[in-house]
Amino acid sequence: MIQQIQQQPSESVVIKAILNASGITEEKITQQISERIDEYICEALRLKVLFIDLDQLKEILPFERDFLEKHILCDPRVRKYQRRRGPHSKRVWLCEPTLKVIEEIIMNEWEI
């Protein structure tokens, strides 16, 4: 009887075998956990910028001010997110939606 008990695989061995047979390995689980933790850390550490100005856009994008004015900032989809306090005040744009629109313009409307 003692030999039978020793020969029977433990519950954890059986569970491990079933998971391995279905393609779920310790490495995959560890990798997914690590990826999720990295995503959460990046999201938590990401600086939340609400507005950007023209100088910041020039730093982000590889274009000069004149090019930005003529080809990107005049687009109605970008102007929708532009704000200024008065007629001669500094212009600012809501950061995330403006950058998404600029990405759409460059990726979908410009030639390869």
PDB file of N, CA and C in Angstrom:
ATOM      1  N   MET A   1       0.820  -1.187   0.000  1.00  0.00           N
ATOM      2  CA  MET A   1       0.000   0.000   0.000  1.00  0.00           C
ATOM      3  C   MET A   1       0.865   1.253   0.000  1.00  0.00           C
ATOM      4  N   ILE A   2       1.972   1.223   0.741  1.00  0.00           N
ATOM      5  CA  ILE A   2       2.868   2.374   0.786  1.00  0.00           C
ATOM      6  C   ILE A   2       3.441   2.632  -0.602  1.00  0.00           C
ATOM      7  N   GLN A   3       3.736   1.575  -1.341  1.00  0.00           N
ATOM      8  CA  GLN A   3       4.261   1.748  -2.692  1.00  0.00           C
ATOM      9  C   GLN A   3       3.222   2.404  -3.596  1.00  0.00           C
ATOM     10  N   GLN A   4       1.954   2.053  -3.452  1.00  0.00           N
ATOM     11  CA  GLN A   4       0.903   2.655  -4.268  1.00  0.00           C
ATOM     12  C   GLN A   4       0.812   4.150  -4.006  1.00  0.00           C
ATOM     13  N   ILE A   5       0.891   4.550  -2.756  1.00  0.00           N
ATOM     14  CA  ILE A   5       0.816   5.966  -2.412  1.00  0.00           C
ATOM     15  C   ILE A   5       2.008   6.710  -3.013  1.00  0.00           C
ATOM     16  N   GLN A   6       3.181   6.127  -2.948  1.00  0.00           N
ATOM     17  CA  GLN A   6       4.367   6.781  -3.493  1.00  0.00           C
ATOM     18  C   GLN A   6       4.321   6.846  -5.016  1.00  0.00           C
ATOM     19  N   GLN A   7       3.691   5.894  -5.663  1.00  0.00           N
ATOM     20  CA  GLN A   7       3.637   5.857  -7.121  1.00  0.00           C
ATOM     21  C   GLN A   7       2.586   6.807  -7.679  1.00  0.00           C
ATOM     22  N   GLN A   8       1.577   7.126  -6.920  1.00  0.00           N
ATOM     23  CA  GLN A   8       0.542   8.030  -7.409  1.00  0.00           C
ATOM     24  C   GLN A   8       1.081   9.458  -7.420  1.00  0.00           C
ATOM     25  N   PRO A   9       0.889  10.146  -8.536  1.00  0.00           N
ATOM     26  CA  PRO A   9       1.386  11.524  -8.608  1.00  0.00           C
ATOM     27  C   PRO A   9       0.581  12.437  -7.678  1.00  0.00           C
ATOM     28  N   SER A  10       1.256  13.429  -7.187  1.00  0.00           N
ATOM     29  CA  SER A  10       0.575  14.368  -6.296  1.00  0.00           C
ATOM     30  C   SER A  10      -0.394  15.227  -7.109  1.00  0.00           C
ATOM     31  N   GLU A  11      -1.266  15.887  -6.397  1.00  0.00           N
ATOM     32  CA  GLU A  11      -2.279  16.731  -7.034  1.00  0.00           C
ATOM     33  C   GLU A  11      -1.630  17.850  -7.845  1.00  0.00           C
ATOM     34  N   SER A  12      -0.575  18.439  -7.315  1.00  0.00           N
ATOM     35  CA  SER A  12       0.085  19.539  -8.030  1.00  0.00           C
ATOM     36  C   SER A  12       0.736  19.056  -9.324  1.00  0.00           C
ATOM     37  N   VAL A  13       1.258  17.835  -9.322  1.00  0.00           N
ATOM     38  CA  VAL A  13       1.861  17.273 -10.533  1.00  0.00           C
ATOM     39  C   VAL A  13       0.788  17.045 -11.588  1.00  0.00           C
ATOM     40  N   VAL A  14      -0.362  16.549 -11.179  1.00  0.00           N
ATOM     41  CA  VAL A  14      -1.472  16.312 -12.105  1.00  0.00           C
ATOM     42  C   VAL A  14      -1.954  17.639 -12.693  1.00  0.00           C
ATOM     43  N   ILE A  15      -2.121  18.633 -11.844  1.00  0.00           N
ATOM     44  CA  ILE A  15      -2.577  19.948 -12.313  1.00  0.00           C
ATOM     45  C   ILE A  15      -1.566  20.543 -13.285  1.00  0.00           C
ATOM     46  N   LYS A  16      -0.289  20.434 -12.953  1.00  0.00           N
ATOM     47  CA  LYS A  16       0.768  20.946 -13.826  1.00  0.00           C
ATOM     48  C   LYS A  16       0.725  20.245 -15.184  1.00  0.00           C
ATOM     49  N   ALA A  17       0.518  18.935 -15.184  1.00  0.00           N
ATOM     50  CA  ALA A  17       0.468  18.169 -16.431  1.00  0.00           C
ATOM     51  C   ALA A  17      -0.723  18.599 -17.284  1.00  0.00           C
ATOM     52  N   ILE A  18      -1.860  18.824 -16.652  1.00  0.00           N
ATOM     53  CA  ILE A  18      -3.056  19.263 -17.382  1.00  0.00           C
ATOM     54  C   ILE A  18      -2.827  20.645 -17.990  1.00  0.00           C
ATOM     55  N   LEU A  19      -2.271  21.557 -17.209  1.00  0.00           N
ATOM     56  CA  LEU A  19      -2.008  22.910 -17.708  1.00  0.00           C
ATOM     57  C   LEU A  19      -0.987  22.894 -18.840  1.00  0.00           C
ATOM     58  N   ASN A  20       0.063  22.090 -18.692  1.00  0.00           N
ATOM     59  CA  ASN A  20       1.066  21.982 -19.755  1.00  0.00           C
ATOM     60  C   ASN A  20       0.455  21.413 -21.030  1.00  0.00           C
ATOM     61  N   ALA A  21      -0.424  20.435 -20.886  1.00  0.00           N
ATOM     62  CA  ALA A  21      -1.071  19.835 -22.049  1.00  0.00           C
ATOM     63  C   ALA A  21      -1.945  20.847 -22.785  1.00  0.00           C
ATOM     64  N   SER A  22      -2.502  21.797 -22.056  1.00  0.00           N
ATOM     65  CA  SER A  22      -3.351  22.804 -22.699  1.00  0.00           C
ATOM     66  C   SER A  22      -2.564  24.049 -23.104  1.00  0.00           C
ATOM     67  N   GLY A  23      -1.243  23.995 -22.983  1.00  0.00           N
ATOM     68  CA  GLY A  23      -0.407  25.102 -23.440  1.00  0.00           C
ATOM     69  C   GLY A  23      -0.159  26.187 -22.416  1.00  0.00           C
ATOM     70  N   ILE A  24      -0.565  25.978 -21.199  1.00  0.00           N
ATOM     71  CA  ILE A  24      -0.356  26.963 -20.139  1.00  0.00           C
ATOM     72  C   ILE A  24       0.845  26.513 -19.316  1.00  0.00           C
ATOM     73  N   THR A  25       1.934  27.250 -19.451  1.00  0.00           N
ATOM     74  CA  THR A  25       3.157  26.892 -18.733  1.00  0.00           C
ATOM     75  C   THR A  25       3.486  27.963 -17.706  1.00  0.00           C
ATOM     76  N   GLU A  26       4.387  27.611 -16.808  1.00  0.00           N
ATOM     77  CA  GLU A  26       4.817  28.580 -15.790  1.00  0.00           C
ATOM     78  C   GLU A  26       5.464  29.790 -16.442  1.00  0.00           C
ATOM     79  N   GLU A  27       6.215  29.546 -17.518  1.00  0.00           N
ATOM     80  CA  GLU A  27       6.891  30.642 -18.202  1.00  0.00           C
ATOM     81  C   GLU A  27       5.884  31.632 -18.787  1.00  0.00           C
ATOM     82  N   LYS A  28       4.827  31.103 -19.419  1.00  0.00           N
ATOM     83  CA  LYS A  28       3.809  31.980 -20.002  1.00  0.00           C
ATOM     84  C   LYS A  28       3.081  32.776 -18.924  1.00  0.00           C
ATOM     85  N   ILE A  29       2.750  32.126 -17.843  1.00  0.00           N
ATOM     86  CA  ILE A  29       2.063  32.812 -16.742  1.00  0.00           C
ATOM     87  C   ILE A  29       2.960  33.898 -16.168  1.00  0.00           C
ATOM     88  N   THR A  30       4.224  33.576 -15.941  1.00  0.00           N
ATOM     89  CA  THR A  30       5.178  34.555 -15.415  1.00  0.00           C
ATOM     90  C   THR A  30       5.342  35.720 -16.378  1.00  0.00           C
ATOM     91  N   GLN A  31       5.412  35.416 -17.673  1.00  0.00           N
ATOM     92  CA  GLN A  31       5.567  36.465 -18.681  1.00  0.00           C
ATOM     93  C   GLN A  31       4.348  37.386 -18.697  1.00  0.00           C
ATOM     94  N   GLN A  32       3.144  36.825 -18.656  1.00  0.00           N
ATOM     95  CA  GLN A  32       1.933  37.643 -18.662  1.00  0.00           C
ATOM     96  C   GLN A  32       1.842  38.502 -17.411  1.00  0.00           C
ATOM     97  N   ILE A  33       2.177  37.944 -16.280  1.00  0.00           N
ATOM     98  CA  ILE A  33       2.157  38.721 -15.036  1.00  0.00           C
ATOM     99  C   ILE A  33       3.161  39.865 -15.124  1.00  0.00           C
ATOM    100  N   SER A  34       4.341  39.573 -15.629  1.00  0.00           N
ATOM    101  CA  SER A  34       5.378  40.593 -15.770  1.00  0.00           C
ATOM    102  C   SER A  34       4.932  41.706 -16.717  1.00  0.00           C
ATOM    103  N   GLU A  35       4.313  41.336 -17.847  1.00  0.00           N
ATOM    104  CA  GLU A  35       3.819  42.338 -18.801  1.00  0.00           C
ATOM    105  C   GLU A  35       2.747  43.217 -18.170  1.00  0.00           C
ATOM    106  N   ARG A  36       1.828  42.604 -17.443  1.00  0.00           N
ATOM    107  CA  ARG A  36       0.770  43.387 -16.785  1.00  0.00           C
ATOM    108  C   ARG A  36       1.348  44.346 -15.758  1.00  0.00           C
ATOM    109  N   ILE A  37       2.302  43.873 -14.975  1.00  0.00           N
ATOM    110  CA  ILE A  37       2.934  44.734 -13.971  1.00  0.00           C
ATOM    111  C   ILE A  37       3.632  45.903 -14.660  1.00  0.00           C
ATOM    112  N   ASP A  38       4.341  45.622 -15.755  1.00  0.00           N
ATOM    113  CA  ASP A  38       5.011  46.690 -16.504  1.00  0.00           C
ATOM    114  C   ASP A  38       4.009  47.715 -17.025  1.00  0.00           C
ATOM    115  N   GLU A  39       2.868  47.240 -17.553  1.00  0.00           N
ATOM    116  CA  GLU A  39       1.832  48.153 -18.046  1.00  0.00           C
ATOM    117  C   GLU A  39       1.303  49.039 -16.920  1.00  0.00           C
ATOM    118  N   TYR A  40       1.033  48.440 -15.774  1.00  0.00           N
ATOM    119  CA  TYR A  40       0.521  49.215 -14.641  1.00  0.00           C
ATOM    120  C   TYR A  40       1.537  50.241 -14.159  1.00  0.00           C
ATOM    121  N   ILE A  41       2.804  49.846 -14.120  1.00  0.00           N
ATOM    122  CA  ILE A  41       3.852  50.779 -13.687  1.00  0.00           C
ATOM    123  C   ILE A  41       3.983  51.931 -14.674  1.00  0.00           C
ATOM    124  N   CYS A  42       3.997  51.618 -15.962  1.00  0.00           N
ATOM    125  CA  CYS A  42       4.100  52.678 -16.978  1.00  0.00           C
ATOM    126  C   CYS A  42       2.921  53.636 -16.886  1.00  0.00           C
ATOM    127  N   GLU A  43       1.732  53.105 -16.722  1.00  0.00           N
ATOM    128  CA  GLU A  43       0.539  53.953 -16.613  1.00  0.00           C
ATOM    129  C   GLU A  43       0.608  54.827 -15.370  1.00  0.00           C
ATOM    130  N   ALA A  44       1.073  54.267 -14.275  1.00  0.00           N
ATOM    131  CA  ALA A  44       1.150  55.034 -13.030  1.00  0.00           C
ATOM    132  C   ALA A  44       2.214  56.117 -13.102  1.00  0.00           C
ATOM    133  N   LEU A  45       3.310  55.837 -13.797  1.00  0.00           N
ATOM    134  CA  LEU A  45       4.408  56.794 -13.864  1.00  0.00           C
ATOM    135  C   LEU A  45       4.269  57.799 -15.003  1.00  0.00           C
ATOM    136  N   ARG A  46       3.384  57.513 -15.947  1.00  0.00           N
ATOM    137  CA  ARG A  46       3.232  58.403 -17.090  1.00  0.00           C
ATOM    138  C   ARG A  46       2.750  59.767 -16.620  1.00  0.00           C
ATOM    139  N   LEU A  47       3.487  60.768 -17.034  1.00  0.00           N
ATOM    140  CA  LEU A  47       3.140  62.135 -16.685  1.00  0.00           C
ATOM    141  C   LEU A  47       1.886  62.522 -17.456  1.00  0.00           C
ATOM    142  N   LYS A  48       0.893  62.963 -16.757  1.00  0.00           N
ATOM    143  CA  LYS A  48      -0.349  63.352 -17.395  1.00  0.00           C
ATOM    144  C   LYS A  48      -0.253  64.818 -17.806  1.00  0.00           C
ATOM    145  N   VAL A  49      -0.076  65.053 -19.092  1.00  0.00           N
ATOM    146  CA  VAL A  49      -0.001  66.403 -19.629  1.00  0.00           C
ATOM    147  C   VAL A  49      -1.367  66.727 -20.202  1.00  0.00           C
ATOM    148  N   LEU A  50      -1.952  67.803 -19.750  1.00  0.00           N
ATOM    149  CA  LEU A  50      -3.285  68.167 -20.206  1.00  0.00           C
ATOM    150  C   LEU A  50      -3.230  68.982 -21.491  1.00  0.00           C
ATOM    151  N   PHE A  51      -2.383  70.005 -21.521  1.00  0.00           N
ATOM    152  CA  PHE A  51      -2.279  70.865 -22.699  1.00  0.00           C
ATOM    153  C   PHE A  51      -0.838  70.932 -23.181  1.00  0.00           C
ATOM    154  N   ILE A  52      -0.675  71.153 -24.490  1.00  0.00           N
ATOM    155  CA  ILE A  52       0.646  71.384 -25.059  1.00  0.00           C
ATOM    156  C   ILE A  52       0.594  72.669 -25.872  1.00  0.00           C
ATOM    157  N   ASP A  53       1.745  73.322 -25.995  1.00  0.00           N
ATOM    158  CA  ASP A  53       1.804  74.537 -26.798  1.00  0.00           C
ATOM    159  C   ASP A  53       2.636  74.270 -28.053  1.00  0.00           C
ATOM    160  N   LEU A  54       2.813  75.299 -28.863  1.00  0.00           N
ATOM    161  CA  LEU A  54       3.514  75.135 -30.132  1.00  0.00           C
ATOM    162  C   LEU A  54       4.968  74.713 -29.929  1.00  0.00           C
ATOM    163  N   ASP A  55       5.617  75.255 -28.917  1.00  0.00           N
ATOM    164  CA  ASP A  55       7.008  74.871 -28.650  1.00  0.00           C
ATOM    165  C   ASP A  55       7.117  73.387 -28.309  1.00  0.00           C
ATOM    166  N   GLN A  56       6.178  72.882 -27.536  1.00  0.00           N
ATOM    167  CA  GLN A  56       6.192  71.459 -27.192  1.00  0.00           C
ATOM    168  C   GLN A  56       5.891  70.603 -28.418  1.00  0.00           C
ATOM    169  N   LEU A  57       4.983  71.071 -29.279  1.00  0.00           N
ATOM    170  CA  LEU A  57       4.699  70.336 -30.511  1.00  0.00           C
ATOM    171  C   LEU A  57       5.941  70.268 -31.395  1.00  0.00           C
ATOM    172  N   LYS A  58       6.694  71.359 -31.458  1.00  0.00           N
ATOM    173  CA  LYS A  58       7.926  71.375 -32.254  1.00  0.00           C
ATOM    174  C   LYS A  58       8.951  70.392 -31.697  1.00  0.00           C
ATOM    175  N   GLU A  59       8.960  70.191 -30.384  1.00  0.00           N
ATOM    176  CA  GLU A  59       9.874  69.214 -29.780  1.00  0.00           C
ATOM    177  C   GLU A  59       9.445  67.782 -30.085  1.00  0.00           C
ATOM    178  N   ILE A  60       8.136  67.553 -30.074  1.00  0.00           N
ATOM    179  CA  ILE A  60       7.606  66.205 -30.298  1.00  0.00           C
ATOM    180  C   ILE A  60       7.698  65.818 -31.769  1.00  0.00           C
ATOM    181  N   LEU A  61       7.349  66.759 -32.652  1.00  0.00           N
ATOM    182  CA  LEU A  61       7.294  66.485 -34.083  1.00  0.00           C
ATOM    183  C   LEU A  61       8.541  67.024 -34.776  1.00  0.00           C
ATOM    184  N   PRO A  62       9.005  66.350 -35.815  1.00  0.00           N
ATOM    185  CA  PRO A  62      10.237  66.788 -36.489  1.00  0.00           C
ATOM    186  C   PRO A  62       9.989  67.854 -37.557  1.00  0.00           C
ATOM    187  N   PHE A  63       9.135  68.820 -37.269  1.00  0.00           N
ATOM    188  CA  PHE A  63       8.777  69.834 -38.250  1.00  0.00           C
ATOM    189  C   PHE A  63       9.009  71.227 -37.682  1.00  0.00           C
ATOM    190  N   GLU A  64       9.245  72.165 -38.586  1.00  0.00           N
ATOM    191  CA  GLU A  64       9.404  73.566 -38.196  1.00  0.00           C
ATOM    192  C   GLU A  64       8.040  74.189 -37.955  1.00  0.00           C
ATOM    193  N   ARG A  65       8.056  75.345 -37.334  1.00  0.00           N
ATOM    194  CA  ARG A  65       6.821  76.051 -36.996  1.00  0.00           C
ATOM    195  C   ARG A  65       5.973  76.334 -38.239  1.00  0.00           C
ATOM    196  N   ASP A  66       6.605  76.844 -39.307  1.00  0.00           N
ATOM    197  CA  ASP A  66       5.855  77.186 -40.521  1.00  0.00           C
ATOM    198  C   ASP A  66       5.166  75.964 -41.116  1.00  0.00           C
ATOM    199  N   PHE A  67       5.882  74.839 -41.149  1.00  0.00           N
ATOM    200  CA  PHE A  67       5.296  73.618 -41.684  1.00  0.00           C
ATOM    201  C   PHE A  67       4.112  73.172 -40.831  1.00  0.00           C
ATOM    202  N   LEU A  68       4.275  73.208 -39.524  1.00  0.00           N
ATOM    203  CA  LEU A  68       3.172  72.833 -38.627  1.00  0.00           C
ATOM    204  C   LEU A  68       1.960  73.718 -38.878  1.00  0.00           C
ATOM    205  N   GLU A  69       2.190  75.020 -38.995  1.00  0.00           N
ATOM    206  CA  GLU A  69       1.086  75.967 -39.213  1.00  0.00           C
ATOM    207  C   GLU A  69       0.363  75.677 -40.527  1.00  0.00           C
ATOM    208  N   LYS A  70       1.116  75.436 -41.599  1.00  0.00           N
ATOM    209  CA  LYS A  70       0.529  75.285 -42.936  1.00  0.00           C
ATOM    210  C   LYS A  70      -0.114  73.927 -43.169  1.00  0.00           C
ATOM    211  N   HIS A  71       0.439  72.887 -42.557  1.00  0.00           N
ATOM    212  CA  HIS A  71       0.000  71.536 -42.926  1.00  0.00           C
ATOM    213  C   HIS A  71      -0.702  70.756 -41.820  1.00  0.00           C
ATOM    214  N   ILE A  72      -0.566  71.174 -40.584  1.00  0.00           N
ATOM    215  CA  ILE A  72      -1.158  70.383 -39.500  1.00  0.00           C
ATOM    216  C   ILE A  72      -2.096  71.217 -38.632  1.00  0.00           C
ATOM    217  N   LEU A  73      -1.623  72.332 -38.124  1.00  0.00           N
ATOM    218  CA  LEU A  73      -2.413  73.106 -37.160  1.00  0.00           C
ATOM    219  C   LEU A  73      -3.627  73.779 -37.787  1.00  0.00           C
ATOM    220  N   CYS A  74      -3.631  73.940 -39.109  1.00  0.00           N
ATOM    221  CA  CYS A  74      -4.782  74.553 -39.777  1.00  0.00           C
ATOM    222  C   CYS A  74      -5.905  73.544 -40.013  1.00  0.00           C
ATOM    223  N   ASP A  75      -5.632  72.275 -39.835  1.00  0.00           N
ATOM    224  CA  ASP A  75      -6.641  71.228 -40.035  1.00  0.00           C
ATOM    225  C   ASP A  75      -7.758  71.409 -39.011  1.00  0.00           C
ATOM    226  N   PRO A  76      -9.024  71.364 -39.458  1.00  0.00           N
ATOM    227  CA  PRO A  76     -10.150  71.576 -38.530  1.00  0.00           C
ATOM    228  C   PRO A  76     -10.197  70.576 -37.378  1.00  0.00           C
ATOM    229  N   ARG A  77      -9.705  69.366 -37.602  1.00  0.00           N
ATOM    230  CA  ARG A  77      -9.700  68.366 -36.532  1.00  0.00           C
ATOM    231  C   ARG A  77      -8.722  68.742 -35.431  1.00  0.00           C
ATOM    232  N   VAL A  78      -7.642  69.423 -35.797  1.00  0.00           N
ATOM    233  CA  VAL A  78      -6.667  69.884 -34.807  1.00  0.00           C
ATOM    234  C   VAL A  78      -7.169  71.171 -34.161  1.00  0.00           C
ATOM    235  N   ARG A  79      -7.717  72.070 -34.974  1.00  0.00           N
ATOM    236  CA  ARG A  79      -8.207  73.357 -34.453  1.00  0.00           C
ATOM    237  C   ARG A  79      -9.327  73.160 -33.430  1.00  0.00           C
ATOM    238  N   LYS A  80     -10.032  72.054 -33.547  1.00  0.00           N
ATOM    239  CA  LYS A  80     -11.111  71.760 -32.599  1.00  0.00           C
ATOM    240  C   LYS A  80     -10.593  71.716 -31.164  1.00  0.00           C
ATOM    241  N   TYR A  81      -9.335  71.318 -30.987  1.00  0.00           N
ATOM    242  CA  TYR A  81      -8.754  71.183 -29.646  1.00  0.00           C
ATOM    243  C   TYR A  81      -7.887  72.379 -29.251  1.00  0.00           C
ATOM    244  N   GLN A  82      -7.853  73.403 -30.094  1.00  0.00           N
ATOM    245  CA  GLN A  82      -7.050  74.595 -29.804  1.00  0.00           C
ATOM    246  C   GLN A  82      -7.832  75.555 -28.912  1.00  0.00           C
ATOM    247  N   ARG A  83      -7.141  76.131 -27.938  1.00  0.00           N
ATOM    248  CA  ARG A  83      -7.749  77.129 -27.051  1.00  0.00           C
ATOM    249  C   ARG A  83      -6.761  78.260 -26.843  1.00  0.00           C
ATOM    250  N   ARG A  84      -7.317  79.457 -26.585  1.00  0.00           N
ATOM    251  CA  ARG A  84      -6.515  80.610 -26.199  1.00  0.00           C
ATOM    252  C   ARG A  84      -7.391  81.525 -25.375  1.00  0.00           C
ATOM    253  N   ARG A  85      -6.781  82.259 -24.506  1.00  0.00           N
ATOM    254  CA  ARG A  85      -7.537  83.113 -23.596  1.00  0.00           C
ATOM    255  C   ARG A  85      -8.080  84.350 -24.293  1.00  0.00           C
ATOM    256  N   GLY A  86      -7.320  84.931 -25.177  1.00  0.00           N
ATOM    257  CA  GLY A  86      -7.730  86.126 -25.911  1.00  0.00           C
ATOM    258  C   GLY A  86      -7.184  86.084 -27.321  1.00  0.00           C
ATOM    259  N   PRO A  87      -7.481  87.115 -28.142  1.00  0.00           N
ATOM    260  CA  PRO A  87      -7.060  87.086 -29.545  1.00  0.00           C
ATOM    261  C   PRO A  87      -5.539  87.078 -29.731  1.00  0.00           C
ATOM    262  N   HIS A  88      -4.785  87.614 -28.795  1.00  0.00           N
ATOM    263  CA  HIS A  88      -3.327  87.655 -28.928  1.00  0.00           C
ATOM    264  C   HIS A  88      -2.635  86.782 -27.883  1.00  0.00           C
ATOM    265  N   SER A  89      -3.369  85.898 -27.268  1.00  0.00           N
ATOM    266  CA  SER A  89      -2.803  85.018 -26.237  1.00  0.00           C
ATOM    267  C   SER A  89      -2.137  83.800 -26.867  1.00  0.00           C
ATOM    268  N   LYS A  90      -1.361  83.138 -26.052  1.00  0.00           N
ATOM    269  CA  LYS A  90      -0.685  81.915 -26.474  1.00  0.00           C
ATOM    270  C   LYS A  90      -1.713  80.827 -26.753  1.00  0.00           C
ATOM    271  N   ARG A  91      -1.499  80.076 -27.833  1.00  0.00           N
ATOM    272  CA  ARG A  91      -2.400  78.973 -28.168  1.00  0.00           C
ATOM    273  C   ARG A  91      -1.929  77.699 -27.471  1.00  0.00           C
ATOM    274  N   VAL A  92      -2.879  76.923 -27.016  1.00  0.00           N
ATOM    275  CA  VAL A  92      -2.598  75.606 -26.448  1.00  0.00           C
ATOM    276  C   VAL A  92      -3.580  74.616 -27.050  1.00  0.00           C
ATOM    277  N   TRP A  93      -3.187  73.349 -27.045  1.00  0.00           N
ATOM    278  CA  TRP A  93      -4.029  72.284 -27.571  1.00  0.00           C
ATOM    279  C   TRP A  93      -4.179  71.208 -26.514  1.00  0.00           C
ATOM    280  N   LEU A  94      -5.359  70.625 -26.438  1.00  0.00           N
ATOM    281  CA  LEU A  94      -5.591  69.486 -25.553  1.00  0.00           C
ATOM    282  C   LEU A  94      -4.675  68.355 -26.031  1.00  0.00           C
ATOM    283  N   CYS A  95      -3.847  67.844 -25.170  1.00  0.00           N
ATOM    284  CA  CYS A  95      -2.711  67.006 -25.565  1.00  0.00           C
ATOM    285  C   CYS A  95      -3.097  65.710 -26.280  1.00  0.00           C
ATOM    286  N   GLU A  96      -3.752  64.791 -25.597  1.00  0.00           N
ATOM    287  CA  GLU A  96      -3.972  63.451 -26.152  1.00  0.00           C
ATOM    288  C   GLU A  96      -4.783  63.450 -27.444  1.00  0.00           C
ATOM    289  N   PRO A  97      -5.949  64.114 -27.489  1.00  0.00           N
ATOM    290  CA  PRO A  97      -6.704  64.065 -28.748  1.00  0.00           C
ATOM    291  C   PRO A  97      -5.987  64.763 -29.901  1.00  0.00           C
ATOM    292  N   THR A  98      -5.255  65.829 -29.606  1.00  0.00           N
ATOM    293  CA  THR A  98      -4.516  66.529 -30.655  1.00  0.00           C
ATOM    294  C   THR A  98      -3.440  65.625 -31.239  1.00  0.00           C
ATOM    295  N   LEU A  99      -2.698  64.948 -30.385  1.00  0.00           N
ATOM    296  CA  LEU A  99      -1.646  64.059 -30.879  1.00  0.00           C
ATOM    297  C   LEU A  99      -2.229  62.883 -31.656  1.00  0.00           C
ATOM    298  N   LYS A 100      -3.394  62.392 -31.251  1.00  0.00           N
ATOM    299  CA  LYS A 100      -4.046  61.308 -31.999  1.00  0.00           C
ATOM    300  C   LYS A 100      -4.449  61.775 -33.391  1.00  0.00           C
ATOM    301  N   VAL A 101      -5.000  62.995 -33.481  1.00  0.00           N
ATOM    302  CA  VAL A 101      -5.408  63.539 -34.777  1.00  0.00           C
ATOM    303  C   VAL A 101      -4.185  63.750 -35.665  1.00  0.00           C
ATOM    304  N   ILE A 102      -3.116  64.280 -35.104  1.00  0.00           N
ATOM    305  CA  ILE A 102      -1.888  64.488 -35.881  1.00  0.00           C
ATOM    306  C   ILE A 102      -1.355  63.149 -36.384  1.00  0.00           C
ATOM    307  N   GLU A 103      -1.403  62.140 -35.555  1.00  0.00           N
ATOM    308  CA  GLU A 103      -0.975  60.805 -35.981  1.00  0.00           C
ATOM    309  C   GLU A 103      -1.842  60.301 -37.132  1.00  0.00           C
ATOM    310  N   GLU A 104      -3.163  60.495 -37.043  1.00  0.00           N
ATOM    311  CA  GLU A 104      -4.066  60.093 -38.128  1.00  0.00           C
ATOM    312  C   GLU A 104      -3.724  60.819 -39.420  1.00  0.00           C
ATOM    313  N   ILE A 105      -3.494  62.122 -39.329  1.00  0.00           N
ATOM    314  CA  ILE A 105      -3.171  62.912 -40.517  1.00  0.00           C
ATOM    315  C   ILE A 105      -1.909  62.367 -41.178  1.00  0.00           C
ATOM    316  N   ILE A 106      -0.876  62.176 -40.400  1.00  0.00           N
ATOM    317  CA  ILE A 106       0.405  61.740 -40.959  1.00  0.00           C
ATOM    318  C   ILE A 106       0.323  60.308 -41.487  1.00  0.00           C
ATOM    319  N   MET A 107      -0.282  59.413 -40.741  1.00  0.00           N
ATOM    320  CA  MET A 107      -0.289  58.001 -41.127  1.00  0.00           C
ATOM    321  C   MET A 107      -1.289  57.681 -42.236  1.00  0.00           C
ATOM    322  N   ASN A 108      -2.415  58.385 -42.282  1.00  0.00           N
ATOM    323  CA  ASN A 108      -3.466  58.016 -43.228  1.00  0.00           C
ATOM    324  C   ASN A 108      -3.543  58.909 -44.456  1.00  0.00           C
ATOM    325  N   GLU A 109      -3.082  60.145 -44.355  1.00  0.00           N
ATOM    326  CA  GLU A 109      -3.291  61.073 -45.455  1.00  0.00           C
ATOM    327  C   GLU A 109      -2.016  61.430 -46.200  1.00  0.00           C
ATOM    328  N   TRP A 110      -0.886  61.133 -45.657  1.00  0.00           N
ATOM    329  CA  TRP A 110       0.375  61.433 -46.327  1.00  0.00           C
ATOM    330  C   TRP A 110       0.835  60.204 -47.095  1.00  0.00           C
ATOM    331  N   GLU A 111       1.637  60.436 -48.129  1.00  0.00           N
ATOM    332  CA  GLU A 111       2.138  59.332 -48.942  1.00  0.00           C
ATOM    333  C   GLU A 111       3.241  58.574 -48.215  1.00  0.00           C
ATOM    334  N   ILE A 112       3.400  57.342 -48.630  1.00  0.00           N
ATOM    335  CA  ILE A 112       4.453  56.503 -48.040  1.00  0.00           C
ATOM    336  C   ILE A 112       5.774  56.831 -48.699  1.00  0.00           C
TER     337      ILE A 112
END
